[in-house]
Amino acid sequence: MHINDFFKAINGIVDIDLPSESAHIKMASLERVQLMKDSIDIIENAKKAAVMMLFYPKNGITHLVLIVRNSYPGVHSSQIAFPGGKAENNDLNFKATALRETHEEIGIHPDKIIVIRDFTSVYIPPSNFLVHPFLGISLTELEFTLQKEEVAGILEIPLTLLLDDSIITQKKLETSYAKSINIPCFQIEENLVWGATAMMLSELKDALKLLL
């Protein structure tokens, strides 16, 4: 989709009732759904984080950026994710967290991002984080500077690919809570996007389909 058409339509997303959990569940294994139900009582005291779902023009075409996390001892090692991270005490709010972390991880200054709205939070049982996603846009093309300690690379995904249902599949994966289970995921070239990121991406995709 041409970026001008996207910019004309995207502000209408503030008036949409988000698909919320119905979209999240599409990209969650049965085991994860049960785990989330069992965790309801502890979510209030979970650690907090925020991420940015950032759209921008590349050669005039609308793209979304994802990051590839570095390998490290932890539950999110080498996973595909949105730029973002843990809330700090000096962050004014979760939007500020998402903007700060995006700047730190991929070098995009907050002044270049227009935050359109927040999306439905997602609880991650293995790490005990409640993640708050935000939809943002940049009006200009971006140059990324990666935080090498945390980010191994980026994926620049055309909007048309995100909206294509053929990228949704299932794979047998090993997770922190179960071994060799079928997990819904997005197959983006050779990359698998699953878990919390896939759940947030599912809500974003469903919301955009109501609008575009």
N, C-alpha and C. Protein backbone atom coordinates (compact mmCIF):
# COMPACT_ATOMS: atom_id res chain seq x y z
N MET A 1 0.84 -1.20 0.00
CA MET A 1 0.00 0.00 0.00
C MET A 1 0.87 1.25 0.00
N HIS A 2 0.52 2.20 -0.86
CA HIS A 2 1.29 3.45 -0.91
C HIS A 2 1.12 4.18 0.41
N ILE A 3 2.19 4.81 0.85
CA ILE A 3 2.20 5.45 2.17
C ILE A 3 1.16 6.56 2.27
N ASN A 4 0.90 7.28 1.19
CA ASN A 4 -0.08 8.37 1.26
C ASN A 4 -1.48 7.84 1.54
N ASP A 5 -1.82 6.71 0.94
CA ASP A 5 -3.13 6.09 1.21
C ASP A 5 -3.22 5.62 2.66
N PHE A 6 -2.10 5.08 3.16
CA PHE A 6 -2.07 4.62 4.55
C PHE A 6 -2.25 5.80 5.51
N PHE A 7 -1.53 6.89 5.26
CA PHE A 7 -1.62 8.06 6.14
C PHE A 7 -3.04 8.63 6.16
N LYS A 8 -3.73 8.60 5.02
CA LYS A 8 -5.10 9.13 4.96
C LYS A 8 -6.06 8.30 5.80
N ALA A 9 -5.78 7.00 5.89
CA ALA A 9 -6.73 6.10 6.55
C ALA A 9 -6.43 5.86 8.03
N ILE A 10 -5.17 5.96 8.43
CA ILE A 10 -4.77 5.39 9.71
C ILE A 10 -5.36 6.11 10.91
N ASN A 11 -5.61 7.41 10.82
CA ASN A 11 -6.17 8.11 11.98
C ASN A 11 -7.55 7.59 12.37
N GLY A 12 -8.24 6.96 11.42
CA GLY A 12 -9.55 6.39 11.71
C GLY A 12 -9.49 5.22 12.68
N ILE A 13 -8.28 4.73 12.94
CA ILE A 13 -8.15 3.57 13.82
C ILE A 13 -8.46 3.92 15.28
N VAL A 14 -8.41 5.20 15.61
CA VAL A 14 -8.72 5.61 16.99
C VAL A 14 -10.19 5.37 17.33
N ASP A 15 -11.05 5.26 16.30
CA ASP A 15 -12.48 5.08 16.54
C ASP A 15 -12.91 3.62 16.46
N ILE A 16 -11.97 2.72 16.20
CA ILE A 16 -12.29 1.30 16.06
C ILE A 16 -12.30 0.61 17.42
N ASP A 17 -13.27 -0.26 17.64
CA ASP A 17 -13.24 -1.13 18.81
C ASP A 17 -12.24 -2.24 18.53
N LEU A 18 -11.19 -2.29 19.30
CA LEU A 18 -10.13 -3.26 19.04
C LEU A 18 -10.63 -4.69 19.23
N PRO A 19 -10.13 -5.61 18.40
CA PRO A 19 -10.56 -7.02 18.53
C PRO A 19 -10.02 -7.70 19.78
N SER A 20 -9.02 -7.12 20.39
CA SER A 20 -8.53 -7.55 21.70
C SER A 20 -8.23 -9.04 21.79
N GLU A 21 -8.78 -9.71 22.82
CA GLU A 21 -8.43 -11.11 23.08
C GLU A 21 -8.84 -12.04 21.94
N SER A 22 -9.89 -11.71 21.21
CA SER A 22 -10.29 -12.57 20.10
C SER A 22 -9.20 -12.65 19.04
N ALA A 23 -8.47 -11.56 18.86
CA ALA A 23 -7.34 -11.57 17.93
C ALA A 23 -6.13 -12.24 18.54
N HIS A 24 -5.90 -12.01 19.83
CA HIS A 24 -4.75 -12.61 20.51
C HIS A 24 -4.83 -14.14 20.47
N ILE A 25 -6.01 -14.67 20.75
CA ILE A 25 -6.17 -16.12 20.86
C ILE A 25 -5.90 -16.83 19.54
N LYS A 26 -6.13 -16.13 18.43
CA LYS A 26 -5.84 -16.73 17.11
C LYS A 26 -4.38 -17.18 17.01
N MET A 27 -3.49 -16.47 17.68
CA MET A 27 -2.06 -16.74 17.55
C MET A 27 -1.46 -17.28 18.85
N ALA A 28 -2.28 -17.91 19.67
CA ALA A 28 -1.82 -18.51 20.93
C ALA A 28 -2.12 -19.99 20.92
N SER A 29 -1.18 -20.79 21.40
CA SER A 29 -1.42 -22.22 21.53
C SER A 29 -2.46 -22.47 22.63
N LEU A 30 -3.07 -23.65 22.61
CA LEU A 30 -4.03 -24.00 23.65
C LEU A 30 -3.38 -23.97 25.02
N GLU A 31 -2.11 -24.39 25.07
CA GLU A 31 -1.38 -24.39 26.35
C GLU A 31 -1.18 -22.97 26.86
N ARG A 32 -0.89 -22.05 25.94
CA ARG A 32 -0.67 -20.67 26.37
C ARG A 32 -1.99 -20.03 26.83
N VAL A 33 -3.07 -20.31 26.13
CA VAL A 33 -4.36 -19.78 26.53
C VAL A 33 -4.71 -20.21 27.95
N GLN A 34 -4.47 -21.49 28.24
CA GLN A 34 -4.74 -21.99 29.59
C GLN A 34 -3.83 -21.34 30.60
N LEU A 35 -2.56 -21.16 30.23
CA LEU A 35 -1.60 -20.53 31.14
C LEU A 35 -2.01 -19.10 31.46
N MET A 36 -2.51 -18.38 30.47
CA MET A 36 -2.96 -17.00 30.70
C MET A 36 -4.17 -16.97 31.62
N LYS A 37 -5.09 -17.93 31.43
CA LYS A 37 -6.25 -18.00 32.32
C LYS A 37 -5.83 -18.27 33.75
N ASP A 38 -4.85 -19.13 33.92
CA ASP A 38 -4.36 -19.46 35.26
C ASP A 38 -3.59 -18.31 35.92
N SER A 39 -3.19 -17.32 35.10
CA SER A 39 -2.35 -16.24 35.61
C SER A 39 -3.12 -14.97 35.92
N ILE A 40 -4.44 -15.00 35.77
CA ILE A 40 -5.24 -13.77 35.91
C ILE A 40 -4.98 -13.06 37.23
N ASP A 41 -4.85 -13.81 38.30
CA ASP A 41 -4.72 -13.21 39.63
C ASP A 41 -3.38 -12.53 39.85
N ILE A 42 -2.37 -12.84 39.04
CA ILE A 42 -1.04 -12.27 39.27
C ILE A 42 -0.67 -11.18 38.27
N ILE A 43 -1.52 -10.97 37.26
CA ILE A 43 -1.18 -10.01 36.22
C ILE A 43 -1.04 -8.60 36.77
N GLU A 44 -1.87 -8.25 37.74
CA GLU A 44 -1.84 -6.89 38.30
C GLU A 44 -0.47 -6.52 38.84
N ASN A 45 0.24 -7.49 39.37
CA ASN A 45 1.55 -7.23 39.97
C ASN A 45 2.71 -7.61 39.05
N ALA A 46 2.41 -7.85 37.78
CA ALA A 46 3.46 -8.21 36.82
C ALA A 46 4.36 -7.03 36.52
N LYS A 47 5.57 -7.32 36.06
CA LYS A 47 6.46 -6.28 35.57
C LYS A 47 5.84 -5.66 34.31
N LYS A 48 6.15 -4.40 34.06
CA LYS A 48 5.52 -3.68 32.95
C LYS A 48 6.54 -3.36 31.85
N ALA A 49 6.05 -3.44 30.62
CA ALA A 49 6.87 -3.11 29.46
C ALA A 49 5.98 -2.48 28.40
N ALA A 50 6.61 -1.89 27.38
CA ALA A 50 5.85 -1.29 26.28
C ALA A 50 6.65 -1.46 24.99
N VAL A 51 5.91 -1.58 23.89
CA VAL A 51 6.54 -1.74 22.58
C VAL A 51 5.89 -0.80 21.57
N MET A 52 6.62 -0.56 20.47
CA MET A 52 6.13 0.32 19.41
C MET A 52 5.90 -0.47 18.13
N MET A 53 4.69 -0.41 17.61
CA MET A 53 4.35 -0.99 16.31
C MET A 53 4.45 0.14 15.29
N LEU A 54 5.61 0.27 14.68
CA LEU A 54 5.97 1.48 13.93
C LEU A 54 5.88 1.27 12.42
N PHE A 55 5.00 2.04 11.78
CA PHE A 55 4.88 2.07 10.33
C PHE A 55 5.61 3.29 9.77
N TYR A 56 6.14 3.14 8.55
CA TYR A 56 6.95 4.21 7.96
C TYR A 56 7.03 3.96 6.45
N PRO A 57 7.39 4.99 5.67
CA PRO A 57 7.54 4.81 4.23
C PRO A 57 8.93 4.29 3.86
N LYS A 58 8.96 3.35 2.93
CA LYS A 58 10.21 2.90 2.33
C LYS A 58 9.98 2.81 0.83
N ASN A 59 10.65 3.70 0.09
CA ASN A 59 10.41 3.81 -1.36
C ASN A 59 8.93 4.04 -1.67
N GLY A 60 8.28 4.80 -0.80
CA GLY A 60 6.89 5.17 -1.01
C GLY A 60 5.88 4.15 -0.56
N ILE A 61 6.34 2.98 -0.09
CA ILE A 61 5.46 1.88 0.31
C ILE A 61 5.45 1.76 1.84
N THR A 62 4.29 1.48 2.40
CA THR A 62 4.14 1.36 3.85
C THR A 62 4.82 0.09 4.37
N HIS A 63 5.68 0.25 5.37
CA HIS A 63 6.38 -0.88 6.00
C HIS A 63 6.20 -0.83 7.51
N LEU A 64 6.38 -1.99 8.14
CA LEU A 64 6.38 -2.15 9.59
C LEU A 64 7.72 -2.73 10.00
N VAL A 65 8.30 -2.22 11.08
CA VAL A 65 9.61 -2.72 11.51
C VAL A 65 9.48 -3.67 12.70
N LEU A 66 10.20 -4.79 12.62
CA LEU A 66 10.37 -5.72 13.73
C LEU A 66 11.86 -5.89 13.97
N ILE A 67 12.22 -6.31 15.17
CA ILE A 67 13.63 -6.54 15.48
C ILE A 67 13.87 -8.03 15.72
N VAL A 68 15.12 -8.43 15.50
CA VAL A 68 15.57 -9.77 15.85
C VAL A 68 16.44 -9.63 17.09
N ARG A 69 16.01 -10.22 18.19
CA ARG A 69 16.77 -10.10 19.43
C ARG A 69 18.02 -10.97 19.39
N ASN A 70 19.05 -10.52 20.07
CA ASN A 70 20.29 -11.28 20.17
C ASN A 70 20.08 -12.57 20.94
N SER A 71 21.00 -13.50 20.76
CA SER A 71 21.00 -14.72 21.56
C SER A 71 21.56 -14.42 22.95
N TYR A 72 20.86 -14.90 23.97
CA TYR A 72 21.31 -14.69 25.34
C TYR A 72 20.60 -15.71 26.22
N PRO A 73 21.09 -15.94 27.44
CA PRO A 73 20.39 -16.87 28.34
C PRO A 73 19.09 -16.25 28.84
N GLY A 74 17.98 -16.64 28.25
CA GLY A 74 16.69 -16.07 28.65
C GLY A 74 15.59 -16.56 27.74
N VAL A 75 14.35 -16.31 28.17
CA VAL A 75 13.20 -16.89 27.47
C VAL A 75 12.92 -16.23 26.12
N HIS A 76 13.45 -15.02 25.87
CA HIS A 76 13.16 -14.33 24.61
C HIS A 76 14.37 -14.29 23.68
N SER A 77 15.36 -15.12 23.93
CA SER A 77 16.57 -15.15 23.12
C SER A 77 16.25 -15.41 21.65
N SER A 78 16.83 -14.57 20.77
CA SER A 78 16.77 -14.73 19.31
C SER A 78 15.36 -14.60 18.73
N GLN A 79 14.40 -14.17 19.50
CA GLN A 79 13.03 -14.06 19.00
C GLN A 79 12.83 -12.79 18.17
N ILE A 80 11.82 -12.83 17.32
CA ILE A 80 11.37 -11.65 16.58
C ILE A 80 10.42 -10.86 17.48
N ALA A 81 10.59 -9.54 17.53
CA ALA A 81 9.81 -8.73 18.46
C ALA A 81 9.60 -7.34 17.89
N PHE A 82 8.71 -6.59 18.52
CA PHE A 82 8.63 -5.16 18.28
C PHE A 82 9.72 -4.47 19.10
N PRO A 83 10.23 -3.33 18.63
CA PRO A 83 11.14 -2.57 19.49
C PRO A 83 10.42 -2.14 20.76
N GLY A 84 11.09 -2.28 21.89
CA GLY A 84 10.46 -1.94 23.16
C GLY A 84 11.16 -2.64 24.30
N GLY A 85 10.66 -2.42 25.50
CA GLY A 85 11.29 -3.04 26.66
C GLY A 85 10.65 -2.61 27.96
N LYS A 86 11.37 -2.85 29.02
CA LYS A 86 10.87 -2.67 30.38
C LYS A 86 10.64 -1.19 30.72
N ALA A 87 9.55 -0.92 31.42
CA ALA A 87 9.27 0.44 31.90
C ALA A 87 10.25 0.81 33.00
N GLU A 88 10.72 2.06 32.95
CA GLU A 88 11.63 2.58 33.96
C GLU A 88 10.88 3.59 34.83
N ASN A 89 11.39 3.79 36.04
CA ASN A 89 10.71 4.67 37.00
C ASN A 89 10.57 6.11 36.49
N ASN A 90 11.52 6.53 35.65
CA ASN A 90 11.47 7.93 35.19
C ASN A 90 10.66 8.09 33.90
N ASP A 91 10.07 7.01 33.38
CA ASP A 91 9.17 7.13 32.23
C ASP A 91 7.86 7.76 32.68
N LEU A 92 7.40 8.75 31.93
CA LEU A 92 6.17 9.44 32.29
C LEU A 92 4.96 8.51 32.24
N ASN A 93 4.94 7.62 31.23
CA ASN A 93 3.86 6.66 31.05
C ASN A 93 4.36 5.56 30.13
N PHE A 94 3.48 4.63 29.77
CA PHE A 94 3.91 3.52 28.93
C PHE A 94 4.22 3.97 27.50
N LYS A 95 3.54 5.01 27.03
CA LYS A 95 3.88 5.56 25.72
C LYS A 95 5.31 6.07 25.72
N ALA A 96 5.70 6.73 26.80
CA ALA A 96 7.07 7.21 26.92
C ALA A 96 8.06 6.06 26.94
N THR A 97 7.68 4.96 27.59
CA THR A 97 8.53 3.77 27.60
C THR A 97 8.75 3.26 26.18
N ALA A 98 7.66 3.13 25.41
CA ALA A 98 7.77 2.62 24.04
C ALA A 98 8.64 3.53 23.18
N LEU A 99 8.48 4.84 23.33
CA LEU A 99 9.28 5.78 22.55
C LEU A 99 10.75 5.71 22.94
N ARG A 100 11.02 5.68 24.24
CA ARG A 100 12.42 5.62 24.71
C ARG A 100 13.10 4.35 24.24
N GLU A 101 12.42 3.22 24.41
CA GLU A 101 13.02 1.95 24.03
C GLU A 101 13.23 1.85 22.52
N THR A 102 12.32 2.40 21.74
CA THR A 102 12.49 2.40 20.29
C THR A 102 13.71 3.22 19.89
N HIS A 103 13.89 4.33 20.56
CA HIS A 103 15.09 5.16 20.31
C HIS A 103 16.35 4.39 20.67
N GLU A 104 16.34 3.74 21.83
CA GLU A 104 17.52 3.02 22.29
C GLU A 104 17.84 1.81 21.39
N GLU A 105 16.82 1.09 20.98
CA GLU A 105 17.06 -0.18 20.29
C GLU A 105 17.30 -0.03 18.79
N ILE A 106 16.59 0.90 18.14
CA ILE A 106 16.77 1.02 16.68
C ILE A 106 17.11 2.44 16.24
N GLY A 107 17.34 3.35 17.20
CA GLY A 107 17.87 4.67 16.87
C GLY A 107 16.89 5.67 16.30
N ILE A 108 15.58 5.42 16.45
CA ILE A 108 14.58 6.36 15.93
C ILE A 108 14.13 7.30 17.04
N HIS A 109 14.45 8.58 16.87
CA HIS A 109 14.14 9.57 17.90
C HIS A 109 12.63 9.75 18.06
N PRO A 110 12.15 9.96 19.29
CA PRO A 110 10.71 10.18 19.51
C PRO A 110 10.11 11.28 18.66
N ASP A 111 10.90 12.29 18.31
CA ASP A 111 10.39 13.38 17.48
C ASP A 111 9.96 12.91 16.09
N LYS A 112 10.43 11.75 15.66
CA LYS A 112 10.10 11.24 14.34
C LYS A 112 8.88 10.32 14.35
N ILE A 113 8.32 10.09 15.53
CA ILE A 113 7.21 9.14 15.67
C ILE A 113 5.95 9.86 16.14
N ILE A 114 4.86 9.67 15.40
CA ILE A 114 3.55 10.13 15.84
C ILE A 114 2.82 8.92 16.41
N VAL A 115 2.51 8.96 17.68
CA VAL A 115 1.81 7.84 18.32
C VAL A 115 0.32 8.02 18.09
N ILE A 116 -0.30 7.02 17.44
CA ILE A 116 -1.71 7.11 17.07
C ILE A 116 -2.62 6.63 18.20
N ARG A 117 -2.30 5.48 18.79
CA ARG A 117 -3.12 4.97 19.89
C ARG A 117 -2.42 3.78 20.53
N ASP A 118 -2.93 3.40 21.71
CA ASP A 118 -2.48 2.18 22.37
C ASP A 118 -3.34 1.01 21.91
N PHE A 119 -2.79 -0.20 22.06
CA PHE A 119 -3.52 -1.43 21.75
C PHE A 119 -3.65 -2.25 23.03
N THR A 120 -4.27 -3.42 22.93
CA THR A 120 -4.56 -4.24 24.09
C THR A 120 -3.28 -4.87 24.64
N SER A 121 -3.09 -4.77 25.94
CA SER A 121 -1.89 -5.32 26.57
C SER A 121 -1.90 -6.85 26.50
N VAL A 122 -0.71 -7.43 26.51
CA VAL A 122 -0.52 -8.87 26.45
C VAL A 122 0.34 -9.31 27.63
N TYR A 123 -0.13 -10.32 28.35
CA TYR A 123 0.64 -10.86 29.47
C TYR A 123 1.53 -12.00 28.98
N ILE A 124 2.80 -11.99 29.42
CA ILE A 124 3.76 -13.02 29.04
C ILE A 124 4.11 -13.83 30.28
N PRO A 125 3.48 -14.99 30.46
CA PRO A 125 3.70 -15.77 31.70
C PRO A 125 5.16 -16.16 31.98
N PRO A 126 5.94 -16.62 30.98
CA PRO A 126 7.30 -17.08 31.31
C PRO A 126 8.18 -16.01 31.94
N SER A 127 8.03 -14.76 31.49
CA SER A 127 8.86 -13.68 32.05
C SER A 127 8.10 -12.77 33.00
N ASN A 128 6.79 -13.02 33.17
CA ASN A 128 5.95 -12.23 34.07
C ASN A 128 5.95 -10.75 33.71
N PHE A 129 5.77 -10.47 32.41
CA PHE A 129 5.67 -9.09 31.94
C PHE A 129 4.28 -8.85 31.36
N LEU A 130 3.73 -7.69 31.64
CA LEU A 130 2.52 -7.21 30.98
C LEU A 130 2.99 -6.15 29.98
N VAL A 131 2.79 -6.42 28.69
CA VAL A 131 3.34 -5.57 27.64
C VAL A 131 2.23 -4.70 27.04
N HIS A 132 2.52 -3.40 26.94
CA HIS A 132 1.57 -2.44 26.39
C HIS A 132 2.04 -2.00 25.01
N PRO A 133 1.30 -2.37 23.95
CA PRO A 133 1.69 -1.99 22.58
C PRO A 133 1.11 -0.63 22.18
N PHE A 134 1.87 0.09 21.36
CA PHE A 134 1.42 1.36 20.81
C PHE A 134 1.63 1.37 19.30
N LEU A 135 0.66 1.93 18.59
CA LEU A 135 0.78 2.11 17.15
C LEU A 135 1.35 3.48 16.87
N GLY A 136 2.44 3.52 16.11
CA GLY A 136 3.05 4.79 15.74
C GLY A 136 3.37 4.83 14.26
N ILE A 137 3.50 6.05 13.72
CA ILE A 137 3.89 6.22 12.32
C ILE A 137 5.01 7.24 12.22
N SER A 138 5.83 7.08 11.22
CA SER A 138 6.81 8.10 10.86
C SER A 138 6.43 8.62 9.49
N LEU A 139 6.50 9.92 9.30
CA LEU A 139 6.11 10.52 8.03
C LEU A 139 7.24 10.48 7.00
N THR A 140 8.43 10.13 7.45
CA THR A 140 9.59 10.13 6.56
C THR A 140 10.29 8.78 6.60
N GLU A 141 11.10 8.51 5.60
CA GLU A 141 11.88 7.28 5.58
C GLU A 141 12.85 7.28 6.77
N LEU A 142 13.20 6.09 7.23
CA LEU A 142 13.99 5.95 8.45
C LEU A 142 15.34 5.31 8.18
N GLU A 143 16.32 5.72 8.97
CA GLU A 143 17.62 5.06 9.00
C GLU A 143 17.79 4.48 10.39
N PHE A 144 18.01 3.17 10.46
CA PHE A 144 18.05 2.48 11.74
C PHE A 144 19.49 2.36 12.24
N THR A 145 19.65 2.62 13.52
CA THR A 145 20.92 2.40 14.21
C THR A 145 20.66 1.41 15.33
N LEU A 146 21.20 0.20 15.22
CA LEU A 146 20.84 -0.88 16.12
C LEU A 146 21.67 -0.86 17.40
N GLN A 147 21.01 -1.16 18.51
CA GLN A 147 21.69 -1.35 19.80
C GLN A 147 22.27 -2.77 19.79
N LYS A 148 23.54 -2.88 19.48
CA LYS A 148 24.15 -4.18 19.20
C LYS A 148 24.07 -5.15 20.37
N GLU A 149 24.01 -4.63 21.59
CA GLU A 149 23.95 -5.51 22.75
C GLU A 149 22.64 -6.31 22.80
N GLU A 150 21.59 -5.75 22.22
CA GLU A 150 20.27 -6.39 22.32
C GLU A 150 19.66 -6.77 20.98
N VAL A 151 20.03 -6.08 19.92
CA VAL A 151 19.36 -6.26 18.64
C VAL A 151 20.34 -6.82 17.61
N ALA A 152 20.01 -7.99 17.06
CA ALA A 152 20.87 -8.62 16.06
C ALA A 152 20.55 -8.14 14.65
N GLY A 153 19.32 -7.71 14.41
CA GLY A 153 18.93 -7.26 13.08
C GLY A 153 17.50 -6.76 13.08
N ILE A 154 17.03 -6.32 11.92
CA ILE A 154 15.66 -5.83 11.79
C ILE A 154 14.99 -6.51 10.59
N LEU A 155 13.67 -6.55 10.65
CA LEU A 155 12.85 -6.99 9.53
C LEU A 155 11.98 -5.82 9.11
N GLU A 156 12.00 -5.50 7.83
CA GLU A 156 11.15 -4.44 7.29
C GLU A 156 10.05 -5.11 6.47
N ILE A 157 8.84 -5.09 7.00
CA ILE A 157 7.74 -5.87 6.44
C ILE A 157 6.76 -4.95 5.69
N PRO A 158 6.58 -5.17 4.39
CA PRO A 158 5.56 -4.39 3.68
C PRO A 158 4.17 -4.65 4.26
N LEU A 159 3.36 -3.62 4.34
CA LEU A 159 2.01 -3.76 4.89
C LEU A 159 1.20 -4.81 4.14
N THR A 160 1.37 -4.87 2.82
CA THR A 160 0.62 -5.85 2.04
C THR A 160 0.95 -7.28 2.46
N LEU A 161 2.19 -7.53 2.87
CA LEU A 161 2.57 -8.86 3.33
C LEU A 161 1.92 -9.16 4.68
N LEU A 162 1.91 -8.18 5.57
CA LEU A 162 1.27 -8.37 6.88
C LEU A 162 -0.20 -8.73 6.72
N LEU A 163 -0.89 -8.11 5.77
CA LEU A 163 -2.32 -8.33 5.59
C LEU A 163 -2.64 -9.61 4.82
N ASP A 164 -1.62 -10.28 4.32
CA ASP A 164 -1.79 -11.51 3.55
C ASP A 164 -1.96 -12.70 4.51
N ASP A 165 -3.12 -13.34 4.49
CA ASP A 165 -3.39 -14.44 5.42
C ASP A 165 -2.54 -15.68 5.14
N SER A 166 -1.91 -15.74 3.98
CA SER A 166 -1.11 -16.93 3.66
C SER A 166 0.16 -17.03 4.50
N ILE A 167 0.54 -15.96 5.20
CA ILE A 167 1.74 -16.03 6.04
C ILE A 167 1.44 -16.64 7.42
N ILE A 168 0.16 -16.92 7.70
CA ILE A 168 -0.20 -17.55 8.98
C ILE A 168 -0.09 -19.06 8.84
N THR A 169 0.62 -19.68 9.77
CA THR A 169 0.82 -21.12 9.72
C THR A 169 0.92 -21.66 11.15
N GLN A 170 1.24 -22.94 11.24
CA GLN A 170 1.49 -23.57 12.55
C GLN A 170 2.79 -24.35 12.47
N LYS A 171 3.56 -24.30 13.54
CA LYS A 171 4.81 -25.03 13.61
C LYS A 171 4.92 -25.72 14.97
N LYS A 172 5.61 -26.85 14.99
CA LYS A 172 5.93 -27.48 16.27
C LYS A 172 7.16 -26.81 16.84
N LEU A 173 7.02 -26.20 18.01
CA LEU A 173 8.11 -25.47 18.63
C LEU A 173 8.25 -25.87 20.08
N GLU A 174 9.44 -25.62 20.62
CA GLU A 174 9.67 -25.83 22.04
C GLU A 174 9.62 -24.48 22.73
N THR A 175 8.81 -24.38 23.77
CA THR A 175 8.66 -23.13 24.50
C THR A 175 9.13 -23.32 25.94
N SER A 176 9.06 -22.24 26.70
CA SER A 176 9.47 -22.30 28.10
C SER A 176 8.45 -23.04 28.96
N TYR A 177 7.23 -23.24 28.42
CA TYR A 177 6.18 -23.89 29.21
C TYR A 177 5.73 -25.23 28.64
N ALA A 178 6.24 -25.61 27.48
CA ALA A 178 5.87 -26.90 26.90
C ALA A 178 6.86 -27.27 25.81
N LYS A 179 7.00 -28.57 25.54
CA LYS A 179 7.93 -29.05 24.53
C LYS A 179 7.17 -29.60 23.33
N SER A 180 7.65 -29.24 22.15
CA SER A 180 7.12 -29.78 20.89
C SER A 180 5.60 -29.68 20.82
N ILE A 181 5.11 -28.42 20.82
CA ILE A 181 3.67 -28.20 20.70
C ILE A 181 3.39 -27.39 19.44
N ASN A 182 2.18 -27.53 18.91
CA ASN A 182 1.77 -26.76 17.74
C ASN A 182 1.47 -25.32 18.15
N ILE A 183 2.14 -24.40 17.49
CA ILE A 183 1.98 -22.99 17.83
C ILE A 183 1.65 -22.20 16.57
N PRO A 184 0.58 -21.40 16.59
CA PRO A 184 0.30 -20.52 15.45
C PRO A 184 1.41 -19.48 15.33
N CYS A 185 1.79 -19.16 14.11
CA CYS A 185 2.84 -18.17 13.92
C CYS A 185 2.72 -17.52 12.54
N PHE A 186 3.42 -16.43 12.39
CA PHE A 186 3.54 -15.77 11.09
C PHE A 186 4.85 -16.22 10.46
N GLN A 187 4.79 -16.73 9.25
CA GLN A 187 5.99 -17.11 8.50
C GLN A 187 6.33 -15.95 7.57
N ILE A 188 7.38 -15.21 7.93
CA ILE A 188 7.81 -14.06 7.13
C ILE A 188 9.18 -14.38 6.56
N GLU A 189 9.17 -14.80 5.29
CA GLU A 189 10.35 -15.35 4.64
C GLU A 189 10.86 -16.51 5.49
N GLU A 190 12.12 -16.47 5.93
CA GLU A 190 12.62 -17.58 6.73
C GLU A 190 12.41 -17.38 8.23
N ASN A 191 11.72 -16.33 8.60
CA ASN A 191 11.54 -15.97 10.01
C ASN A 191 10.16 -16.38 10.52
N LEU A 192 10.15 -16.90 11.77
CA LEU A 192 8.89 -17.23 12.44
C LEU A 192 8.62 -16.20 13.53
N VAL A 193 7.44 -15.61 13.49
CA VAL A 193 7.01 -14.68 14.53
C VAL A 193 5.91 -15.38 15.32
N TRP A 194 6.16 -15.61 16.61
CA TRP A 194 5.21 -16.35 17.42
C TRP A 194 5.18 -15.75 18.83
N GLY A 195 4.36 -16.34 19.69
CA GLY A 195 4.28 -15.87 21.07
C GLY A 195 3.59 -14.52 21.18
N ALA A 196 4.02 -13.71 22.15
CA ALA A 196 3.37 -12.44 22.43
C ALA A 196 3.40 -11.50 21.24
N THR A 197 4.52 -11.49 20.51
CA THR A 197 4.62 -10.61 19.34
C THR A 197 3.58 -10.99 18.30
N ALA A 198 3.40 -12.28 18.06
CA ALA A 198 2.39 -12.73 17.10
C ALA A 198 0.99 -12.36 17.56
N MET A 199 0.74 -12.42 18.85
CA MET A 199 -0.58 -12.06 19.38
C MET A 199 -0.86 -10.57 19.17
N MET A 200 0.13 -9.72 19.42
CA MET A 200 -0.03 -8.29 19.19
C MET A 200 -0.17 -8.00 17.71
N LEU A 201 0.63 -8.70 16.90
CA LEU A 201 0.57 -8.52 15.45
C LEU A 201 -0.80 -8.93 14.91
N SER A 202 -1.40 -9.94 15.51
CA SER A 202 -2.72 -10.40 15.10
C SER A 202 -3.78 -9.33 15.36
N GLU A 203 -3.71 -8.68 16.52
CA GLU A 203 -4.68 -7.62 16.80
C GLU A 203 -4.46 -6.44 15.86
N LEU A 204 -3.20 -6.10 15.62
CA LEU A 204 -2.90 -5.01 14.70
C LEU A 204 -3.45 -5.32 13.31
N LYS A 205 -3.21 -6.53 12.83
CA LYS A 205 -3.68 -6.95 11.50
C LYS A 205 -5.20 -6.90 11.42
N ASP A 206 -5.89 -7.45 12.41
CA ASP A 206 -7.35 -7.46 12.39
C ASP A 206 -7.94 -6.04 12.45
N ALA A 207 -7.30 -5.18 13.23
CA ALA A 207 -7.77 -3.79 13.31
C ALA A 207 -7.58 -3.07 11.99
N LEU A 208 -6.43 -3.29 11.35
CA LEU A 208 -6.17 -2.64 10.07
C LEU A 208 -7.14 -3.12 8.99
N LYS A 209 -7.52 -4.40 9.05
CA LYS A 209 -8.45 -4.92 8.05
C LYS A 209 -9.85 -4.30 8.19
N LEU A 210 -10.18 -3.83 9.39
CA LEU A 210 -11.44 -3.12 9.58
C LEU A 210 -11.42 -1.73 8.96
N LEU A 211 -10.21 -1.24 8.74
CA LEU A 211 -10.03 0.16 8.36
C LEU A 211 -9.65 0.32 6.89
N LEU A 212 -8.76 -0.55 6.41
CA LEU A 212 -8.17 -0.35 5.09
C LEU A 212 -8.97 -1.03 3.98
